[in-house]
Amino acid sequence: MTKLPRIFLVFLLAFGQAQAWSLFSSSDENERFPGMGGDFTLRSADGPVALKDFRGKLVLIYFGYTSCPDVCPTSLGALSSALRKLSNQEMARVQPIFISVDPERDDTAKLKEYTRYFHPKMIGATADLPYLRDLAKRYGAFFRKAPIEDSSIGYAMDHSSTIYVVNEEGKLVDMIQHGGSPKLILQHIRTALGRP
């Protein structure tokens, strides 16, 4: 091997290592949920709902369904109470989204009526099941259809109960677990807004 190709090979190896280090070191070391979350586009009664449309706002995402007998109303009720404690200036920076994992029964009109009960600014949206499954997986959420024998509703949807907090840049920054009081939820929201 001549001297020139050997120098060129050393240069390529050094360049490759520098590029790899650059990619590694450019990732946000403070990112709490690397690889999780991400953009989506859903359907709502008022048209498509895309996460990217809310850049500059704190987005609060909850996966559930309108026929949920207890978990969803409890979680959304607590979230609603927390939202009502925000100032007008704070609320202007927040967008809650309820994502139905039961598109078979939850059409967009039903979702709009359901979410308005909890908060006038909350958007109800859904998508086809394969899309929802992928989206839920990316956020670390879980849901599955659970048949109910001898019941007029036919089935329930077992699902996780977490409020996902996405910051102004579209990154998942927090998860508020089910059972959080309105006071605790409010604390999480204000921390994400940059207010103690």
N, C-alpha and C. Protein backbone atom coordinates (compact mmCIF):
# COMPACT_ATOMS: atom_id res chain seq x y z
N MET A 1 0.86 -1.19 0.00
CA MET A 1 0.00 0.00 0.00
C MET A 1 0.89 1.24 0.00
N THR A 2 0.60 2.15 -0.88
CA THR A 2 1.41 3.37 -0.96
C THR A 2 1.05 4.30 0.17
N LYS A 3 1.89 5.32 0.33
CA LYS A 3 1.72 6.26 1.42
C LYS A 3 0.43 7.08 1.29
N LEU A 4 0.09 7.50 0.09
CA LEU A 4 -1.08 8.35 -0.12
C LEU A 4 -2.39 7.64 0.24
N PRO A 5 -2.64 6.43 -0.27
CA PRO A 5 -3.88 5.76 0.12
C PRO A 5 -3.97 5.50 1.63
N ARG A 6 -2.83 5.22 2.27
CA ARG A 6 -2.85 4.96 3.71
C ARG A 6 -3.27 6.23 4.46
N ILE A 7 -2.74 7.38 4.06
CA ILE A 7 -3.12 8.65 4.67
C ILE A 7 -4.60 8.91 4.43
N PHE A 8 -5.06 8.62 3.21
CA PHE A 8 -6.47 8.82 2.86
C PHE A 8 -7.37 7.93 3.72
N LEU A 9 -6.93 6.67 3.95
CA LEU A 9 -7.71 5.75 4.78
C LEU A 9 -7.79 6.25 6.22
N VAL A 10 -6.68 6.73 6.76
CA VAL A 10 -6.66 7.28 8.11
C VAL A 10 -7.61 8.48 8.20
N PHE A 11 -7.59 9.31 7.15
CA PHE A 11 -8.47 10.48 7.12
C PHE A 11 -9.94 10.04 7.14
N LEU A 12 -10.27 9.02 6.33
CA LEU A 12 -11.65 8.54 6.28
C LEU A 12 -12.11 7.99 7.63
N LEU A 13 -11.24 7.23 8.27
CA LEU A 13 -11.59 6.67 9.58
C LEU A 13 -11.80 7.78 10.60
N ALA A 14 -10.90 8.76 10.60
CA ALA A 14 -11.02 9.88 11.53
C ALA A 14 -12.29 10.68 11.25
N PHE A 15 -12.58 10.89 9.97
CA PHE A 15 -13.77 11.64 9.59
C PHE A 15 -15.04 10.90 10.03
N GLY A 16 -15.03 9.56 9.81
CA GLY A 16 -16.18 8.74 10.20
C GLY A 16 -16.42 8.78 11.71
N GLN A 17 -15.33 8.69 12.48
CA GLN A 17 -15.46 8.75 13.93
C GLN A 17 -15.97 10.11 14.38
N ALA A 18 -15.48 11.17 13.72
CA ALA A 18 -15.93 12.52 14.06
C ALA A 18 -17.42 12.68 13.77
N GLN A 19 -17.86 12.12 12.63
CA GLN A 19 -19.28 12.21 12.28
C GLN A 19 -20.13 11.44 13.28
N ALA A 20 -19.69 10.25 13.64
CA ALA A 20 -20.44 9.43 14.61
C ALA A 20 -20.52 10.15 15.95
N TRP A 21 -19.40 10.72 16.40
CA TRP A 21 -19.41 11.44 17.67
C TRP A 21 -20.32 12.67 17.60
N SER A 22 -20.31 13.32 16.43
CA SER A 22 -21.17 14.50 16.25
C SER A 22 -22.64 14.12 16.38
N LEU A 23 -23.02 13.01 15.74
CA LEU A 23 -24.41 12.57 15.83
C LEU A 23 -24.77 12.19 17.25
N PHE A 24 -23.85 11.49 17.90
CA PHE A 24 -24.11 11.05 19.27
C PHE A 24 -24.20 12.22 20.23
N SER A 25 -23.24 13.14 20.11
CA SER A 25 -23.19 14.23 21.06
C SER A 25 -24.23 15.29 20.79
N SER A 26 -24.80 15.32 19.56
CA SER A 26 -25.81 16.32 19.26
C SER A 26 -27.18 15.95 19.80
N SER A 27 -27.35 14.67 20.19
CA SER A 27 -28.62 14.30 20.79
C SER A 27 -28.73 14.97 22.15
N ASP A 28 -29.93 15.37 22.50
CA ASP A 28 -30.16 16.12 23.74
C ASP A 28 -29.94 15.21 24.94
N GLU A 29 -28.88 15.48 25.68
CA GLU A 29 -28.56 14.61 26.82
C GLU A 29 -29.60 14.73 27.93
N ASN A 30 -30.42 15.79 27.86
CA ASN A 30 -31.47 15.97 28.87
C ASN A 30 -32.80 15.36 28.42
N GLU A 31 -32.84 14.77 27.25
CA GLU A 31 -34.07 14.19 26.74
C GLU A 31 -34.46 13.00 27.61
N ARG A 32 -35.67 13.07 28.17
CA ARG A 32 -36.09 12.03 29.11
C ARG A 32 -36.63 10.78 28.43
N PHE A 33 -37.17 10.94 27.22
CA PHE A 33 -37.79 9.81 26.53
C PHE A 33 -37.26 9.70 25.11
N PRO A 34 -35.98 9.38 24.95
CA PRO A 34 -35.38 9.32 23.62
C PRO A 34 -36.07 8.29 22.73
N GLY A 35 -36.36 8.71 21.51
CA GLY A 35 -36.98 7.80 20.55
C GLY A 35 -38.48 7.65 20.69
N MET A 36 -39.06 8.27 21.71
CA MET A 36 -40.50 8.14 21.92
C MET A 36 -41.23 9.39 21.42
N GLY A 37 -42.53 9.23 21.17
CA GLY A 37 -43.35 10.35 20.74
C GLY A 37 -43.25 10.56 19.24
N GLY A 38 -43.39 11.80 18.81
CA GLY A 38 -43.30 12.12 17.40
C GLY A 38 -44.60 12.65 16.82
N ASP A 39 -44.48 13.15 15.60
CA ASP A 39 -45.63 13.76 14.94
C ASP A 39 -46.71 12.75 14.58
N PHE A 40 -47.90 13.26 14.37
CA PHE A 40 -49.02 12.45 13.93
C PHE A 40 -50.05 13.36 13.26
N THR A 41 -50.92 12.73 12.47
CA THR A 41 -52.05 13.44 11.88
C THR A 41 -53.28 12.58 12.09
N LEU A 42 -54.29 13.16 12.73
CA LEU A 42 -55.53 12.47 13.06
C LEU A 42 -56.70 13.21 12.44
N ARG A 43 -57.88 12.62 12.55
CA ARG A 43 -59.08 13.29 12.06
C ARG A 43 -59.93 13.75 13.24
N SER A 44 -60.54 14.91 13.08
CA SER A 44 -61.44 15.45 14.09
C SER A 44 -62.65 16.04 13.38
N ALA A 45 -63.63 16.49 14.15
CA ALA A 45 -64.83 17.07 13.57
C ALA A 45 -64.52 18.36 12.81
N ASP A 46 -63.42 19.01 13.15
CA ASP A 46 -63.06 20.27 12.50
C ASP A 46 -61.93 20.12 11.49
N GLY A 47 -61.66 18.88 11.09
CA GLY A 47 -60.62 18.63 10.10
C GLY A 47 -59.40 17.94 10.68
N PRO A 48 -58.36 17.78 9.87
CA PRO A 48 -57.15 17.08 10.32
C PRO A 48 -56.50 17.77 11.52
N VAL A 49 -55.96 16.95 12.41
CA VAL A 49 -55.24 17.44 13.59
C VAL A 49 -53.83 16.87 13.53
N ALA A 50 -52.85 17.74 13.34
CA ALA A 50 -51.45 17.32 13.27
C ALA A 50 -50.69 17.93 14.44
N LEU A 51 -49.85 17.13 15.06
CA LEU A 51 -49.06 17.63 16.19
C LEU A 51 -48.21 18.83 15.78
N LYS A 52 -47.67 18.79 14.56
CA LYS A 52 -46.79 19.87 14.11
C LYS A 52 -47.53 21.21 14.04
N ASP A 53 -48.85 21.17 13.95
CA ASP A 53 -49.64 22.41 13.90
C ASP A 53 -49.61 23.17 15.22
N PHE A 54 -49.16 22.49 16.28
CA PHE A 54 -49.17 23.11 17.61
C PHE A 54 -47.77 23.42 18.12
N ARG A 55 -46.81 23.57 17.20
CA ARG A 55 -45.48 24.01 17.62
C ARG A 55 -45.61 25.36 18.32
N GLY A 56 -44.91 25.51 19.41
CA GLY A 56 -45.03 26.73 20.19
C GLY A 56 -46.03 26.60 21.33
N LYS A 57 -46.71 25.44 21.38
CA LYS A 57 -47.65 25.19 22.46
C LYS A 57 -47.28 23.89 23.17
N LEU A 58 -47.71 23.81 24.43
CA LEU A 58 -47.55 22.58 25.19
C LEU A 58 -48.76 21.71 24.90
N VAL A 59 -48.54 20.51 24.38
CA VAL A 59 -49.63 19.63 24.00
C VAL A 59 -49.77 18.51 25.03
N LEU A 60 -50.99 18.34 25.53
CA LEU A 60 -51.30 17.29 26.50
C LEU A 60 -52.14 16.23 25.81
N ILE A 61 -51.60 15.02 25.71
CA ILE A 61 -52.24 13.95 24.94
C ILE A 61 -52.73 12.85 25.86
N TYR A 62 -53.97 12.41 25.62
CA TYR A 62 -54.52 11.30 26.40
C TYR A 62 -55.19 10.31 25.45
N PHE A 63 -54.83 9.03 25.58
CA PHE A 63 -55.44 7.96 24.78
C PHE A 63 -56.58 7.33 25.59
N GLY A 64 -57.75 7.24 25.00
CA GLY A 64 -58.88 6.63 25.69
C GLY A 64 -60.03 6.39 24.73
N TYR A 65 -61.26 6.35 25.24
CA TYR A 65 -62.43 6.18 24.37
C TYR A 65 -63.66 6.67 25.11
N THR A 66 -64.67 7.09 24.37
CA THR A 66 -65.81 7.77 24.98
C THR A 66 -66.70 6.86 25.80
N SER A 67 -66.69 5.56 25.52
CA SER A 67 -67.52 4.62 26.28
C SER A 67 -66.84 4.12 27.55
N CYS A 68 -65.66 4.60 27.82
CA CYS A 68 -64.90 4.19 29.01
C CYS A 68 -65.72 4.52 30.26
N PRO A 69 -65.98 3.52 31.11
CA PRO A 69 -66.88 3.74 32.24
C PRO A 69 -66.29 4.54 33.40
N ASP A 70 -64.98 4.49 33.61
CA ASP A 70 -64.45 5.15 34.81
C ASP A 70 -63.08 5.79 34.64
N VAL A 71 -62.13 5.08 34.04
CA VAL A 71 -60.75 5.57 33.99
C VAL A 71 -60.65 6.89 33.20
N CYS A 72 -61.23 6.92 32.01
CA CYS A 72 -61.16 8.15 31.20
C CYS A 72 -61.85 9.33 31.87
N PRO A 73 -63.09 9.16 32.34
CA PRO A 73 -63.73 10.30 33.00
C PRO A 73 -62.95 10.81 34.21
N THR A 74 -62.34 9.87 34.96
CA THR A 74 -61.56 10.28 36.13
C THR A 74 -60.33 11.07 35.71
N SER A 75 -59.57 10.54 34.75
CA SER A 75 -58.35 11.21 34.29
C SER A 75 -58.65 12.54 33.62
N LEU A 76 -59.65 12.55 32.74
CA LEU A 76 -59.99 13.79 32.04
C LEU A 76 -60.62 14.81 32.97
N GLY A 77 -61.33 14.33 33.98
CA GLY A 77 -61.89 15.25 34.97
C GLY A 77 -60.80 15.94 35.76
N ALA A 78 -59.78 15.17 36.15
CA ALA A 78 -58.65 15.75 36.88
C ALA A 78 -57.87 16.71 35.99
N LEU A 79 -57.67 16.33 34.73
CA LEU A 79 -56.98 17.21 33.79
C LEU A 79 -57.77 18.50 33.59
N SER A 80 -59.07 18.37 33.43
CA SER A 80 -59.93 19.54 33.25
C SER A 80 -59.83 20.50 34.44
N SER A 81 -59.85 19.94 35.65
CA SER A 81 -59.73 20.78 36.85
C SER A 81 -58.40 21.51 36.87
N ALA A 82 -57.34 20.83 36.45
CA ALA A 82 -56.02 21.47 36.41
C ALA A 82 -55.99 22.58 35.37
N LEU A 83 -56.56 22.32 34.21
CA LEU A 83 -56.57 23.32 33.14
C LEU A 83 -57.32 24.58 33.56
N ARG A 84 -58.38 24.40 34.33
CA ARG A 84 -59.18 25.56 34.75
C ARG A 84 -58.46 26.41 35.79
N LYS A 85 -57.39 25.89 36.35
CA LYS A 85 -56.59 26.67 37.31
C LYS A 85 -55.49 27.48 36.61
N LEU A 86 -55.28 27.24 35.33
CA LEU A 86 -54.28 27.99 34.58
C LEU A 86 -54.79 29.40 34.31
N SER A 87 -53.87 30.34 34.25
CA SER A 87 -54.24 31.70 33.86
C SER A 87 -54.58 31.71 32.37
N ASN A 88 -55.21 32.78 31.90
CA ASN A 88 -55.53 32.89 30.48
C ASN A 88 -54.26 32.86 29.64
N GLN A 89 -53.19 33.48 30.14
CA GLN A 89 -51.92 33.50 29.41
C GLN A 89 -51.32 32.10 29.33
N GLU A 90 -51.42 31.35 30.43
CA GLU A 90 -50.91 29.97 30.43
C GLU A 90 -51.74 29.09 29.50
N MET A 91 -53.06 29.22 29.59
CA MET A 91 -53.94 28.37 28.79
C MET A 91 -53.76 28.63 27.31
N ALA A 92 -53.39 29.85 26.96
CA ALA A 92 -53.14 30.18 25.56
C ALA A 92 -51.96 29.39 25.01
N ARG A 93 -51.10 28.89 25.89
CA ARG A 93 -49.91 28.13 25.48
C ARG A 93 -50.11 26.62 25.57
N VAL A 94 -51.33 26.18 25.86
CA VAL A 94 -51.60 24.75 26.10
C VAL A 94 -52.68 24.24 25.15
N GLN A 95 -52.48 23.02 24.64
CA GLN A 95 -53.49 22.39 23.78
C GLN A 95 -53.70 20.93 24.22
N PRO A 96 -54.85 20.62 24.84
CA PRO A 96 -55.15 19.23 25.18
C PRO A 96 -55.78 18.48 24.00
N ILE A 97 -55.35 17.23 23.80
CA ILE A 97 -55.90 16.39 22.73
C ILE A 97 -56.28 15.03 23.31
N PHE A 98 -57.51 14.63 23.07
CA PHE A 98 -58.00 13.30 23.47
C PHE A 98 -58.01 12.44 22.22
N ILE A 99 -57.24 11.34 22.24
CA ILE A 99 -57.16 10.44 21.08
C ILE A 99 -57.96 9.18 21.38
N SER A 100 -59.02 8.96 20.62
CA SER A 100 -59.83 7.76 20.83
C SER A 100 -59.16 6.55 20.18
N VAL A 101 -59.07 5.47 20.95
CA VAL A 101 -58.54 4.21 20.45
C VAL A 101 -59.68 3.27 20.05
N ASP A 102 -60.89 3.84 19.93
CA ASP A 102 -62.08 3.07 19.56
C ASP A 102 -62.78 3.73 18.36
N PRO A 103 -62.10 3.80 17.21
CA PRO A 103 -62.69 4.49 16.06
C PRO A 103 -63.96 3.82 15.54
N GLU A 104 -64.16 2.56 15.89
CA GLU A 104 -65.36 1.85 15.46
C GLU A 104 -66.62 2.51 16.01
N ARG A 105 -66.54 3.02 17.24
CA ARG A 105 -67.71 3.64 17.87
C ARG A 105 -67.58 5.15 18.02
N ASP A 106 -66.36 5.65 18.04
CA ASP A 106 -66.15 7.07 18.27
C ASP A 106 -65.93 7.81 16.96
N ASP A 107 -67.03 8.31 16.38
CA ASP A 107 -66.85 9.15 15.20
C ASP A 107 -66.47 10.56 15.66
N THR A 108 -66.12 11.39 14.71
CA THR A 108 -65.58 12.70 15.07
C THR A 108 -66.61 13.60 15.76
N ALA A 109 -67.87 13.48 15.36
CA ALA A 109 -68.91 14.30 16.00
C ALA A 109 -69.07 13.91 17.47
N LYS A 110 -69.05 12.62 17.73
CA LYS A 110 -69.17 12.12 19.10
C LYS A 110 -67.98 12.58 19.94
N LEU A 111 -66.80 12.54 19.35
CA LEU A 111 -65.59 12.97 20.06
C LEU A 111 -65.64 14.45 20.40
N LYS A 112 -66.15 15.25 19.50
CA LYS A 112 -66.23 16.68 19.76
C LYS A 112 -67.17 16.96 20.92
N GLU A 113 -68.31 16.28 20.95
CA GLU A 113 -69.26 16.47 22.04
C GLU A 113 -68.68 16.00 23.37
N TYR A 114 -67.99 14.87 23.34
CA TYR A 114 -67.42 14.29 24.55
C TYR A 114 -66.33 15.19 25.15
N THR A 115 -65.41 15.65 24.32
CA THR A 115 -64.29 16.44 24.84
C THR A 115 -64.75 17.82 25.32
N ARG A 116 -65.73 18.40 24.67
CA ARG A 116 -66.22 19.71 25.09
C ARG A 116 -66.82 19.66 26.49
N TYR A 117 -67.27 18.49 26.89
CA TYR A 117 -67.80 18.33 28.25
C TYR A 117 -66.70 18.58 29.28
N PHE A 118 -65.48 18.19 28.95
CA PHE A 118 -64.37 18.33 29.89
C PHE A 118 -63.69 19.70 29.80
N HIS A 119 -63.46 20.16 28.58
CA HIS A 119 -62.85 21.49 28.42
C HIS A 119 -63.13 21.99 27.01
N PRO A 120 -63.52 23.25 26.85
CA PRO A 120 -63.87 23.75 25.52
C PRO A 120 -62.71 23.76 24.53
N LYS A 121 -61.49 23.75 25.04
CA LYS A 121 -60.33 23.78 24.15
C LYS A 121 -59.82 22.39 23.77
N MET A 122 -60.33 21.37 24.45
CA MET A 122 -59.86 20.01 24.18
C MET A 122 -60.35 19.53 22.83
N ILE A 123 -59.42 18.94 22.05
CA ILE A 123 -59.74 18.39 20.73
C ILE A 123 -59.90 16.88 20.85
N GLY A 124 -60.98 16.35 20.28
CA GLY A 124 -61.17 14.91 20.21
C GLY A 124 -60.82 14.44 18.81
N ALA A 125 -59.96 13.45 18.70
CA ALA A 125 -59.50 12.99 17.38
C ALA A 125 -59.28 11.49 17.40
N THR A 126 -59.22 10.90 16.22
CA THR A 126 -58.96 9.48 16.09
C THR A 126 -58.38 9.19 14.72
N ALA A 127 -58.17 7.90 14.42
CA ALA A 127 -57.63 7.47 13.13
C ALA A 127 -58.00 6.00 12.94
N ASP A 128 -57.52 5.39 11.88
CA ASP A 128 -57.74 3.97 11.68
C ASP A 128 -56.90 3.19 12.68
N LEU A 129 -57.37 1.98 13.01
CA LEU A 129 -56.71 1.18 14.05
C LEU A 129 -55.22 0.92 13.82
N PRO A 130 -54.79 0.53 12.61
CA PRO A 130 -53.34 0.31 12.43
C PRO A 130 -52.51 1.55 12.74
N TYR A 131 -53.02 2.71 12.35
CA TYR A 131 -52.31 3.96 12.63
C TYR A 131 -52.27 4.22 14.13
N LEU A 132 -53.40 3.99 14.79
CA LEU A 132 -53.48 4.21 16.24
C LEU A 132 -52.54 3.28 17.00
N ARG A 133 -52.46 2.04 16.54
CA ARG A 133 -51.56 1.08 17.20
C ARG A 133 -50.11 1.55 17.12
N ASP A 134 -49.71 2.01 15.93
CA ASP A 134 -48.34 2.50 15.76
C ASP A 134 -48.10 3.75 16.61
N LEU A 135 -49.07 4.66 16.61
CA LEU A 135 -48.94 5.89 17.38
C LEU A 135 -48.84 5.60 18.87
N ALA A 136 -49.72 4.73 19.36
CA ALA A 136 -49.69 4.37 20.78
C ALA A 136 -48.35 3.75 21.16
N LYS A 137 -47.84 2.89 20.29
CA LYS A 137 -46.55 2.24 20.56
C LYS A 137 -45.44 3.28 20.66
N ARG A 138 -45.46 4.28 19.79
CA ARG A 138 -44.42 5.30 19.80
C ARG A 138 -44.45 6.14 21.08
N TYR A 139 -45.64 6.27 21.66
CA TYR A 139 -45.76 7.05 22.90
C TYR A 139 -45.69 6.19 24.16
N GLY A 140 -45.61 4.88 23.97
CA GLY A 140 -45.54 3.99 25.13
C GLY A 140 -46.91 3.70 25.72
N ALA A 141 -47.97 3.93 24.93
CA ALA A 141 -49.33 3.65 25.38
C ALA A 141 -49.74 2.24 24.96
N PHE A 142 -50.80 1.76 25.57
CA PHE A 142 -51.28 0.40 25.30
C PHE A 142 -52.80 0.42 25.19
N PHE A 143 -53.35 -0.36 24.26
CA PHE A 143 -54.80 -0.58 24.23
C PHE A 143 -55.11 -1.88 23.49
N ARG A 144 -56.23 -2.48 23.86
CA ARG A 144 -56.71 -3.68 23.16
C ARG A 144 -58.20 -3.84 23.40
N LYS A 145 -58.85 -4.45 22.43
CA LYS A 145 -60.29 -4.70 22.54
C LYS A 145 -60.51 -5.87 23.50
N ALA A 146 -61.46 -5.70 24.42
CA ALA A 146 -61.78 -6.75 25.39
C ALA A 146 -63.27 -7.07 25.31
N PRO A 147 -63.63 -8.18 24.64
CA PRO A 147 -65.05 -8.54 24.52
C PRO A 147 -65.71 -8.72 25.88
N ILE A 148 -66.96 -8.30 25.99
CA ILE A 148 -67.73 -8.45 27.22
C ILE A 148 -68.96 -9.29 26.90
N GLU A 149 -69.03 -10.47 27.49
CA GLU A 149 -70.17 -11.35 27.23
C GLU A 149 -71.43 -10.83 27.91
N ASP A 150 -72.56 -11.07 27.25
CA ASP A 150 -73.87 -10.69 27.79
C ASP A 150 -73.93 -9.20 28.14
N SER A 151 -73.38 -8.39 27.25
CA SER A 151 -73.42 -6.95 27.46
C SER A 151 -73.88 -6.26 26.19
N SER A 152 -74.69 -5.23 26.36
CA SER A 152 -75.20 -4.50 25.20
C SER A 152 -74.11 -3.71 24.49
N ILE A 153 -73.03 -3.35 25.22
CA ILE A 153 -71.97 -2.57 24.57
C ILE A 153 -71.00 -3.45 23.79
N GLY A 154 -71.04 -4.76 24.01
CA GLY A 154 -70.26 -5.70 23.20
C GLY A 154 -68.81 -5.85 23.60
N TYR A 155 -68.13 -4.75 23.82
CA TYR A 155 -66.71 -4.82 24.19
C TYR A 155 -66.29 -3.54 24.90
N ALA A 156 -65.20 -3.66 25.61
CA ALA A 156 -64.54 -2.49 26.21
C ALA A 156 -63.16 -2.38 25.57
N MET A 157 -62.48 -1.29 25.86
CA MET A 157 -61.11 -1.12 25.39
C MET A 157 -60.21 -1.01 26.62
N ASP A 158 -59.42 -2.07 26.85
CA ASP A 158 -58.41 -1.96 27.91
C ASP A 158 -57.34 -1.00 27.41
N HIS A 159 -56.95 -0.07 28.24
CA HIS A 159 -55.95 0.89 27.78
C HIS A 159 -55.17 1.47 28.95
N SER A 160 -53.98 1.94 28.65
CA SER A 160 -53.17 2.64 29.65
C SER A 160 -53.80 4.00 29.90
N SER A 161 -53.45 4.60 31.01
CA SER A 161 -54.06 5.88 31.38
C SER A 161 -52.98 6.86 31.80
N THR A 162 -52.42 7.52 30.82
CA THR A 162 -51.31 8.45 31.05
C THR A 162 -51.55 9.72 30.25
N ILE A 163 -51.20 10.84 30.82
CA ILE A 163 -51.22 12.10 30.08
C ILE A 163 -49.80 12.35 29.58
N TYR A 164 -49.66 12.44 28.27
CA TYR A 164 -48.35 12.65 27.66
C TYR A 164 -48.15 14.15 27.41
N VAL A 165 -47.04 14.67 27.88
CA VAL A 165 -46.76 16.10 27.77
C VAL A 165 -45.71 16.32 26.69
N VAL A 166 -46.10 17.04 25.64
CA VAL A 166 -45.21 17.33 24.51
C VAL A 166 -44.90 18.82 24.52
N ASN A 167 -43.63 19.15 24.49
CA ASN A 167 -43.25 20.57 24.63
C ASN A 167 -43.44 21.35 23.33
N GLU A 168 -43.05 22.62 23.37
CA GLU A 168 -43.27 23.53 22.24
C GLU A 168 -42.50 23.13 20.99
N GLU A 169 -41.47 22.31 21.14
CA GLU A 169 -40.70 21.84 19.99
C GLU A 169 -41.19 20.50 19.47
N GLY A 170 -42.24 19.96 20.09
CA GLY A 170 -42.80 18.69 19.64
C GLY A 170 -42.15 17.47 20.26
N LYS A 171 -41.40 17.66 21.35
CA LYS A 171 -40.74 16.53 22.02
C LYS A 171 -41.51 16.09 23.25
N LEU A 172 -41.60 14.79 23.44
CA LEU A 172 -42.21 14.24 24.63
C LEU A 172 -41.30 14.51 25.83
N VAL A 173 -41.82 15.24 26.83
CA VAL A 173 -40.97 15.65 27.95
C VAL A 173 -41.46 15.15 29.31
N ASP A 174 -42.70 14.64 29.36
CA ASP A 174 -43.22 14.21 30.66
C ASP A 174 -44.38 13.25 30.46
N MET A 175 -44.62 12.43 31.47
CA MET A 175 -45.78 11.54 31.50
C MET A 175 -46.42 11.65 32.87
N ILE A 176 -47.70 11.94 32.89
CA ILE A 176 -48.43 12.07 34.15
C ILE A 176 -49.30 10.83 34.30
N GLN A 177 -49.01 10.03 35.29
CA GLN A 177 -49.71 8.76 35.46
C GLN A 177 -51.12 8.93 36.00
N HIS A 178 -51.96 7.95 35.72
CA HIS A 178 -53.34 7.95 36.19
C HIS A 178 -53.36 8.03 37.72
N GLY A 179 -54.31 8.75 38.23
CA GLY A 179 -54.44 8.89 39.68
C GLY A 179 -53.86 10.18 40.19
N GLY A 180 -53.23 10.95 39.27
CA GLY A 180 -52.68 12.23 39.68
C GLY A 180 -53.79 13.21 40.01
N SER A 181 -53.64 13.92 41.10
CA SER A 181 -54.64 14.91 41.50
C SER A 181 -54.55 16.11 40.57
N PRO A 182 -55.61 16.93 40.49
CA PRO A 182 -55.52 18.16 39.70
C PRO A 182 -54.33 19.02 40.10
N LYS A 183 -54.03 19.06 41.39
CA LYS A 183 -52.90 19.85 41.87
C LYS A 183 -51.58 19.32 41.30
N LEU A 184 -51.42 18.00 41.29
CA LEU A 184 -50.20 17.40 40.76
C LEU A 184 -50.10 17.62 39.26
N ILE A 185 -51.22 17.44 38.55
CA ILE A 185 -51.23 17.66 37.10
C ILE A 185 -50.87 19.10 36.78
N LEU A 186 -51.44 20.03 37.54
CA LEU A 186 -51.14 21.45 37.36
C LEU A 186 -49.65 21.72 37.56
N GLN A 187 -49.07 21.08 38.55
CA GLN A 187 -47.64 21.25 38.81
C GLN A 187 -46.81 20.77 37.62
N HIS A 188 -47.17 19.62 37.05
CA HIS A 188 -46.46 19.09 35.89
C HIS A 188 -46.59 20.05 34.70
N ILE A 189 -47.80 20.57 34.48
CA ILE A 189 -48.02 21.47 33.35
C ILE A 189 -47.20 22.74 33.51
N ARG A 190 -47.23 23.31 34.69
CA ARG A 190 -46.50 24.56 34.89
C ARG A 190 -44.99 24.36 34.83
N THR A 191 -44.52 23.21 35.26
CA THR A 191 -43.09 22.91 35.14
C THR A 191 -42.71 22.84 33.67
N ALA A 192 -43.55 22.18 32.87
CA ALA A 192 -43.28 22.07 31.43
C ALA A 192 -43.37 23.42 30.73
N LEU A 193 -44.19 24.32 31.27
CA LEU A 193 -44.30 25.67 30.71
C LEU A 193 -43.14 26.56 31.14
N GLY A 194 -42.33 26.05 32.04
CA GLY A 194 -41.19 26.84 32.52
C GLY A 194 -41.50 27.69 33.71
N ARG A 195 -42.63 27.37 34.36
CA ARG A 195 -42.99 28.11 35.57
C ARG A 195 -43.01 27.15 36.75
N PRO A 196 -42.35 27.47 37.86
CA PRO A 196 -42.29 26.54 39.00
C PRO A 196 -43.65 26.40 39.68
